[in-house]
Amino acid sequence: MGSGQARRPIPQGSEIVYMRSCKTKAQGFAICISNVGYPASLEVQKLYPIVDDPLAQANDLIRVIDESGEDYVYPNSNFLKAVPTAQ
C-alpha cells in the first residue's frame, strides 16, 4: 500500500473494521495514558499529534501519529487531549 493508505484492524464488537489512513495536518495533541495492547506503538506520558478523522471519532477512536511515524486509530480511552492554556 502507498503512503496514506495504511490499514490497521480496529476491534469493534466481534468484527474487525479497517479504516483508511487520513494523511492531513495535525489537529492538536493527545497524551498517552495507557498503551495496553499497543506497547510497541505507544509510549505512556508521551504527546502524540492528533489527525482529524470524523469516522474514528464517531466510533470512540482517536487517530494519532504513533511511534511508527504513521497515523493509526486507537481507543479514545488510551489518551487525554492536551488543551493549550493562554499565558
C-alpha atoms as a PDB file:
ATOM      1  CA  MET A   1       0.000   0.000   0.000  1.00  0.00           C
ATOM      2  CA  GLY A   2       1.187   3.501  -0.762  1.00  0.00           C
ATOM      3  CA  SER A   3       1.523   6.447   1.571  1.00  0.00           C
ATOM      4  CA  GLY A   4      -1.776   7.462   3.108  1.00  0.00           C
ATOM      5  CA  GLN A   5      -3.301   4.035   2.532  1.00  0.00           C
ATOM      6  CA  ALA A   6      -2.066   2.210   5.644  1.00  0.00           C
ATOM      7  CA  ARG A   7      -4.747  -0.006   7.116  1.00  0.00           C
ATOM      8  CA  ARG A   8      -4.911  -1.313  10.647  1.00  0.00           C
ATOM      9  CA  PRO A   9      -7.573  -3.607  12.112  1.00  0.00           C
ATOM     10  CA  ILE A  10      -9.776  -1.983  14.731  1.00  0.00           C
ATOM     11  CA  PRO A  11     -11.622  -4.348  17.085  1.00  0.00           C
ATOM     12  CA  GLN A  12     -15.288  -3.413  17.302  1.00  0.00           C
ATOM     13  CA  GLY A  13     -17.518  -5.969  18.950  1.00  0.00           C
ATOM     14  CA  SER A  14     -16.884  -9.302  17.278  1.00  0.00           C
ATOM     15  CA  GLU A  15     -15.960  -7.770  13.928  1.00  0.00           C
ATOM     16  CA  ILE A  16     -12.764  -6.230  12.630  1.00  0.00           C
ATOM     17  CA  VAL A  17     -13.195  -2.853  10.958  1.00  0.00           C
ATOM     18  CA  TYR A  18     -10.480  -1.378   8.725  1.00  0.00           C
ATOM     19  CA  MET A  19     -10.152   2.376   8.495  1.00  0.00           C
ATOM     20  CA  ARG A  20      -8.147   4.114   5.800  1.00  0.00           C
ATOM     21  CA  SER A  21      -5.356   6.379   6.932  1.00  0.00           C
ATOM     22  CA  CYS A  22      -6.164  10.088   6.569  1.00  0.00           C
ATOM     23  CA  LYS A  23      -2.938  11.978   5.876  1.00  0.00           C
ATOM     24  CA  THR A  24      -3.660  15.512   6.993  1.00  0.00           C
ATOM     25  CA  LYS A  25      -2.186  18.205   9.192  1.00  0.00           C
ATOM     26  CA  ALA A  26      -2.104  17.506  12.949  1.00  0.00           C
ATOM     27  CA  GLN A  27      -5.107  18.947  14.819  1.00  0.00           C
ATOM     28  CA  GLY A  28      -3.660  19.303  18.316  1.00  0.00           C
ATOM     29  CA  PHE A  29      -2.027  16.799  20.634  1.00  0.00           C
ATOM     30  CA  ALA A  30      -3.038  13.982  22.956  1.00  0.00           C
ATOM     31  CA  ILE A  31      -1.186  12.498  25.917  1.00  0.00           C
ATOM     32  CA  CYS A  32      -0.981   8.714  26.016  1.00  0.00           C
ATOM     33  CA  ILE A  33      -2.268   7.447  29.382  1.00  0.00           C
ATOM     34  CA  SER A  34      -2.344   3.732  28.513  1.00  0.00           C
ATOM     35  CA  ASN A  35      -0.556   1.580  25.966  1.00  0.00           C
ATOM     36  CA  VAL A  36      -2.242  -1.711  26.903  1.00  0.00           C
ATOM     37  CA  GLY A  37      -2.413  -3.755  23.728  1.00  0.00           C
ATOM     38  CA  TYR A  38      -0.062  -1.395  21.873  1.00  0.00           C
ATOM     39  CA  PRO A  39       3.306  -1.422  23.746  1.00  0.00           C
ATOM     40  CA  ALA A  40       5.407  -1.123  20.575  1.00  0.00           C
ATOM     41  CA  SER A  41       3.270   1.661  19.112  1.00  0.00           C
ATOM     42  CA  LEU A  42       2.570   3.948  22.081  1.00  0.00           C
ATOM     43  CA  GLU A  43       4.591   5.312  24.999  1.00  0.00           C
ATOM     44  CA  VAL A  44       2.746   6.291  28.173  1.00  0.00           C
ATOM     45  CA  GLN A  45       3.069  10.010  29.093  1.00  0.00           C
ATOM     46  CA  LYS A  46       4.143  10.982  25.567  1.00  0.00           C
ATOM     47  CA  LEU A  47       2.426  13.634  23.432  1.00  0.00           C
ATOM     48  CA  TYR A  48       1.132  12.452  20.061  1.00  0.00           C
ATOM     49  CA  PRO A  49      -0.130  14.650  17.208  1.00  0.00           C
ATOM     50  CA  ILE A  50      -3.860  14.161  16.533  1.00  0.00           C
ATOM     51  CA  VAL A  51      -5.039  13.740  12.947  1.00  0.00           C
ATOM     52  CA  ASP A  52      -8.645  14.754  12.277  1.00  0.00           C
ATOM     53  CA  ASP A  53     -10.774  11.701  11.449  1.00  0.00           C
ATOM     54  CA  PRO A  54     -14.560  12.137  11.870  1.00  0.00           C
ATOM     55  CA  LEU A  55     -15.227   8.425  11.236  1.00  0.00           C
ATOM     56  CA  ALA A  56     -12.828   7.427  14.017  1.00  0.00           C
ATOM     57  CA  GLN A  57     -14.377   9.989  16.375  1.00  0.00           C
ATOM     58  CA  ALA A  58     -17.855   8.621  15.646  1.00  0.00           C
ATOM     59  CA  ASN A  59     -16.584   5.191  16.770  1.00  0.00           C
ATOM     60  CA  ASP A  60     -14.973   6.423  20.030  1.00  0.00           C
ATOM     61  CA  LEU A  61     -11.493   6.250  18.493  1.00  0.00           C
ATOM     62  CA  ILE A  62      -8.710   8.779  18.013  1.00  0.00           C
ATOM     63  CA  ARG A  63      -6.218   8.939  15.119  1.00  0.00           C
ATOM     64  CA  VAL A  64      -2.678   9.871  16.147  1.00  0.00           C
ATOM     65  CA  ILE A  65       0.776   9.703  14.617  1.00  0.00           C
ATOM     66  CA  ASP A  66       2.356   6.918  16.652  1.00  0.00           C
ATOM     67  CA  GLU A  67       5.906   5.610  17.141  1.00  0.00           C
ATOM     68  CA  SER A  68       5.975   4.227  13.588  1.00  0.00           C
ATOM     69  CA  GLY A  69       5.635   7.773  12.244  1.00  0.00           C
ATOM     70  CA  GLU A  70       2.322   6.812  10.590  1.00  0.00           C
ATOM     71  CA  ASP A  71      -1.192   7.741  11.657  1.00  0.00           C
ATOM     72  CA  TYR A  72      -3.342   4.998  13.168  1.00  0.00           C
ATOM     73  CA  VAL A  73      -6.518   4.849  15.224  1.00  0.00           C
ATOM     74  CA  TYR A  74      -6.621   3.840  18.890  1.00  0.00           C
ATOM     75  CA  PRO A  75      -9.303   3.804  21.577  1.00  0.00           C
ATOM     76  CA  ASN A  76     -10.023   7.270  22.990  1.00  0.00           C
ATOM     77  CA  SER A  77      -9.558   5.789  26.469  1.00  0.00           C
ATOM     78  CA  ASN A  78      -5.802   5.497  25.802  1.00  0.00           C
ATOM     79  CA  PHE A  79      -5.438   9.293  25.538  1.00  0.00           C
ATOM     80  CA  LEU A  80      -6.230  12.638  27.117  1.00  0.00           C
ATOM     81  CA  LYS A  81      -6.456  15.565  24.712  1.00  0.00           C
ATOM     82  CA  ALA A  82      -3.977  18.311  25.567  1.00  0.00           C
ATOM     83  CA  VAL A  83      -5.671  21.687  25.928  1.00  0.00           C
ATOM     84  CA  PRO A  84      -3.410  24.712  25.375  1.00  0.00           C
ATOM     85  CA  THR A  85      -3.595  27.420  28.014  1.00  0.00           C
ATOM     86  CA  ALA A  86      -3.387  31.150  27.379  1.00  0.00           C
ATOM     87  CA  GLN A  87      -0.450  32.904  29.012  1.00  0.00           C
END
